[in-house]
């Protein structure tokens, strides 16, 4: 933790205006390390231990996640590269305990998306996440209740959902739910996947 604090201090002290400078490699390393810590909790077993570890990690990550946004805005492709920009998005996505922060990040991310400097797909995920966190229906149908029969969380105007998904580069919702079902069975090998019925 002390090392992360030192890295962040160096980055902030050496920073100029938001994204006018090229990214320091130490910022990329910081985001990568936060992302690695976030994802590592998924490997913990049993599941309840993983959930507790995840909650600890996302809260300890949040200080750095917020400081990065405060200092640089939303880091786009031209600043930290496509992969690291996507990792930073995930850190914001997982900060559900501070919806105002998520909304602020969303507004800054939108500016980058409009310049094709951040992912439109990730933007859609964050829009839906913040909507649900505020008790509103999602727009792009990215948030789900995963099971062997994965369902969408509340979503508006299902009839035109695929049009909205296509506008940000997302696949049709049916394909998305099928992929989520496959992931569920990969994560739960004890569950038996039903065989697909032969249409003939």
Protein backbone atom coordinates (compact mmCIF):
# COMPACT_ATOMS: atom_id res chain seq x y z
CA UNK A 1 0.00 0.00 0.00
CA UNK A 2 2.89 2.37 0.80
CA UNK A 3 4.36 1.71 -2.64
CA UNK A 4 1.05 2.58 -4.34
CA UNK A 5 0.85 5.80 -2.31
CA UNK A 6 4.35 6.76 -3.39
CA UNK A 7 3.62 6.01 -7.06
CA UNK A 8 0.45 8.09 -6.94
CA UNK A 9 2.26 10.99 -5.25
CA UNK A 10 4.97 10.98 -7.91
CA UNK A 11 2.38 10.88 -10.71
CA UNK A 12 0.36 13.78 -9.27
CA UNK A 13 3.39 15.93 -8.49
CA UNK A 14 4.84 15.45 -11.97
CA UNK A 15 1.50 15.92 -13.73
CA UNK A 16 0.53 18.92 -15.84
CA UNK A 17 -2.94 19.58 -17.27
CA UNK A 18 -5.36 16.68 -17.44
CA UNK A 19 -4.51 14.81 -20.65
CA UNK A 20 -2.25 17.27 -22.44
CA UNK A 21 0.81 15.23 -21.54
CA UNK A 22 1.78 11.71 -22.48
CA UNK A 23 1.05 9.10 -19.86
CA UNK A 24 3.79 8.30 -17.44
CA UNK A 25 4.51 4.57 -17.42
CA UNK A 26 4.05 4.63 -13.64
CA UNK A 27 0.37 5.60 -14.09
CA UNK A 28 -0.15 2.64 -16.41
CA UNK A 29 1.54 0.38 -13.87
CA UNK A 30 -0.67 1.78 -11.09
CA UNK A 31 -3.89 1.13 -13.01
CA UNK A 32 -2.65 -2.34 -14.00
CA UNK A 33 -1.86 -3.20 -10.37
CA UNK A 34 -5.28 -2.02 -9.15
CA UNK A 35 -6.96 -4.06 -11.87
CA UNK A 36 -4.90 -7.15 -11.01
CA UNK A 37 -5.89 -6.88 -7.35
CA UNK A 38 -9.56 -6.49 -8.36
CA UNK A 39 -9.55 -9.55 -10.61
CA UNK A 40 -7.53 -11.78 -8.27
CA UNK A 41 -10.47 -12.03 -5.85
CA UNK A 42 -12.44 -14.06 -8.40
CA UNK A 43 -9.99 -16.95 -7.95
CA UNK A 44 -10.57 -17.25 -4.20
CA UNK A 45 -12.57 -20.23 -2.97
CA UNK A 46 -15.04 -20.65 -1.34
CA UNK A 47 -17.28 -18.07 -2.98
CA UNK A 48 -18.23 -16.24 0.21
CA UNK A 49 -14.54 -15.65 0.95
CA UNK A 50 -14.13 -14.28 -2.58
CA UNK A 51 -17.05 -11.90 -2.07
CA UNK A 52 -15.59 -10.58 1.19
CA UNK A 53 -12.13 -10.16 -0.37
CA UNK A 54 -13.67 -8.38 -3.38
CA UNK A 55 -15.41 -5.85 -1.12
CA UNK A 56 -12.16 -5.15 0.71
CA UNK A 57 -10.19 -4.72 -2.52
CA UNK A 58 -12.61 -2.43 -4.33
CA UNK A 59 -12.67 -0.12 -1.31
CA UNK A 60 -8.90 -0.06 -0.93
CA UNK A 61 -8.60 0.53 -4.69
CA UNK A 62 -11.08 3.38 -4.61
CA UNK A 63 -8.73 5.97 -3.13
CA UNK A 64 -6.39 5.56 -6.12
CA UNK A 65 -9.20 5.21 -8.66
CA UNK A 66 -10.69 8.51 -7.51
CA UNK A 67 -7.35 10.31 -7.37
CA UNK A 68 -6.62 9.30 -10.97
CA UNK A 69 -9.95 10.73 -12.15
CA UNK A 70 -9.42 13.91 -10.10
CA UNK A 71 -5.96 14.41 -11.59
CA UNK A 72 -6.34 13.30 -15.21
CA UNK A 73 -10.03 12.93 -16.00
CA UNK A 74 -11.01 9.64 -17.63
CA UNK A 75 -7.80 8.16 -19.12
CA UNK A 76 -8.40 7.52 -22.81
CA UNK A 77 -6.56 5.44 -25.39
CA UNK A 78 -4.16 8.23 -26.30
CA UNK A 79 -3.12 8.61 -22.68
CA UNK A 80 -2.72 5.09 -21.29
CA UNK A 81 -3.47 2.82 -24.25
CA UNK A 82 -6.60 0.85 -25.06
CA UNK A 83 -6.01 -2.02 -22.64
CA UNK A 84 -5.25 0.13 -19.59
CA UNK A 85 -8.12 2.51 -20.38
CA UNK A 86 -10.42 -0.52 -20.29
CA UNK A 87 -8.94 -1.62 -16.98
CA UNK A 88 -9.59 1.80 -15.49
CA UNK A 89 -13.22 1.63 -16.67
CA UNK A 90 -13.61 -1.63 -14.73
CA UNK A 91 -12.32 0.00 -11.55
CA UNK A 92 -14.99 2.69 -11.94
CA UNK A 93 -17.63 0.08 -12.77
CA UNK A 94 -16.89 -1.71 -9.51
CA UNK A 95 -17.18 1.46 -7.38
CA UNK A 96 -20.90 0.94 -6.78
CA UNK A 97 -20.70 2.28 -3.23
CA UNK A 98 -20.11 5.81 -4.63
CA UNK A 99 -22.63 6.44 -7.40
CA UNK A 100 -21.83 10.16 -7.59
CA UNK A 101 -18.24 9.25 -8.42
CA UNK A 102 -19.44 6.79 -11.08
CA UNK A 103 -21.64 9.49 -12.63
CA UNK A 104 -18.78 11.96 -12.70
CA UNK A 105 -16.53 9.37 -14.33
CA UNK A 106 -19.32 8.60 -16.80
CA UNK A 107 -19.55 12.24 -17.90
CA UNK A 108 -15.79 12.45 -18.39
CA UNK A 109 -15.75 9.10 -20.18
CA UNK A 110 -18.46 10.28 -22.58
CA UNK A 111 -16.18 13.07 -23.79
CA UNK A 112 -13.53 10.50 -24.64
CA UNK A 113 -16.06 8.18 -26.32
CA UNK A 114 -17.25 11.03 -28.56
CA UNK A 115 -13.63 11.45 -29.67
CA UNK A 116 -13.36 7.65 -30.23
CA UNK A 117 -10.75 7.75 -27.48
CA UNK A 118 -12.58 5.32 -25.15
CA UNK A 119 -14.79 2.27 -25.58
CA UNK A 120 -18.45 2.84 -26.48
CA UNK A 121 -19.23 -0.67 -25.24
CA UNK A 122 -17.69 0.04 -21.85
CA UNK A 123 -19.54 3.35 -21.74
CA UNK A 124 -22.82 1.47 -22.23
CA UNK A 125 -21.96 -0.85 -19.33
CA UNK A 126 -21.29 2.12 -17.06
CA UNK A 127 -24.49 3.91 -18.12
CA UNK A 128 -26.49 0.83 -17.19
CA UNK A 129 -24.64 0.32 -13.93
CA UNK A 130 -25.21 3.88 -12.73
CA UNK A 131 -28.87 3.79 -13.82
CA UNK A 132 -29.53 0.65 -11.79
CA UNK A 133 -27.60 2.06 -8.82
CA UNK A 134 -30.01 5.01 -8.88
CA UNK A 135 -33.07 2.79 -9.14
CA UNK A 136 -33.63 3.48 -12.85
CA UNK A 137 -33.97 0.87 -15.62
CA UNK A 138 -30.91 0.20 -17.74
CA UNK A 139 -30.69 1.36 -21.34
CA UNK A 140 -28.35 -1.05 -23.13
CA UNK A 141 -29.19 -4.34 -21.39
CA UNK A 142 -25.69 -5.07 -20.10
CA UNK A 143 -26.55 -5.85 -16.48
CA UNK A 144 -27.82 -9.33 -15.75
CA UNK A 145 -28.86 -11.86 -13.15
CA UNK A 146 -26.57 -14.73 -14.09
CA UNK A 147 -27.81 -18.31 -13.86
CA UNK A 148 -28.30 -21.20 -16.24
CA UNK A 149 -31.11 -19.07 -17.63
CA UNK A 150 -29.54 -15.61 -17.44
CA UNK A 151 -32.01 -12.73 -17.25
CA UNK A 152 -31.69 -9.00 -17.79
CA UNK A 153 -32.05 -6.69 -14.83
CA UNK A 154 -34.81 -4.07 -15.35
CA UNK A 155 -34.42 -2.50 -18.78
CA UNK A 156 -36.48 0.05 -20.67
CA UNK A 157 -38.00 -0.33 -24.13
CA UNK A 158 -36.98 -3.94 -24.78
CA UNK A 159 -38.48 -3.73 -28.28
CA UNK A 160 -35.74 -1.34 -29.43
CA UNK A 161 -32.98 -2.72 -27.21
CA UNK A 162 -30.95 -4.30 -30.02
CA UNK A 163 -30.94 -1.00 -31.94
CA UNK A 164 -29.46 0.77 -28.94
CA UNK A 165 -26.95 -2.03 -28.40
CA UNK A 166 -25.86 -1.87 -32.04
CA UNK A 167 -25.33 1.90 -31.79
CA UNK A 168 -22.52 1.35 -29.25
CA UNK A 169 -21.08 -1.78 -30.84
CA UNK A 170 -22.74 -4.44 -28.68
CA UNK A 171 -24.01 -7.75 -30.03
CA UNK A 172 -27.78 -8.58 -30.06
CA UNK A 173 -29.08 -9.25 -26.57
CA UNK A 174 -29.96 -12.87 -27.34
CA UNK A 175 -26.33 -13.62 -28.22
CA UNK A 176 -25.17 -11.79 -25.11
CA UNK A 177 -27.42 -13.80 -22.80
CA UNK A 178 -26.31 -17.06 -24.44
CA UNK A 179 -22.66 -16.13 -23.81
CA UNK A 180 -23.50 -15.31 -20.20
CA UNK A 181 -25.16 -18.72 -19.81
CA UNK A 182 -22.00 -20.39 -21.14
CA UNK A 183 -19.87 -18.45 -18.65
CA UNK A 184 -22.20 -19.51 -15.82
CA UNK A 185 -21.69 -23.19 -16.61
CA UNK A 186 -17.92 -22.72 -16.93
CA UNK A 187 -17.87 -21.11 -13.48
CA UNK A 188 -20.20 -23.75 -12.02
CA UNK A 189 -19.03 -27.11 -13.38
CA UNK A 190 -21.30 -28.92 -10.91
CA UNK A 191 -24.36 -27.53 -12.71
CA UNK A 192 -25.60 -29.60 -15.62
CA UNK A 193 -26.09 -27.64 -18.81
CA UNK A 194 -29.35 -28.61 -20.56
CA UNK A 195 -28.93 -30.07 -24.01
CA UNK A 196 -30.16 -27.94 -26.88
CA UNK A 197 -33.37 -29.24 -28.37
CA UNK A 198 -33.18 -30.41 -31.94
CA UNK A 199 -35.52 -28.19 -33.99
CA UNK A 200 -36.34 -31.23 -36.14
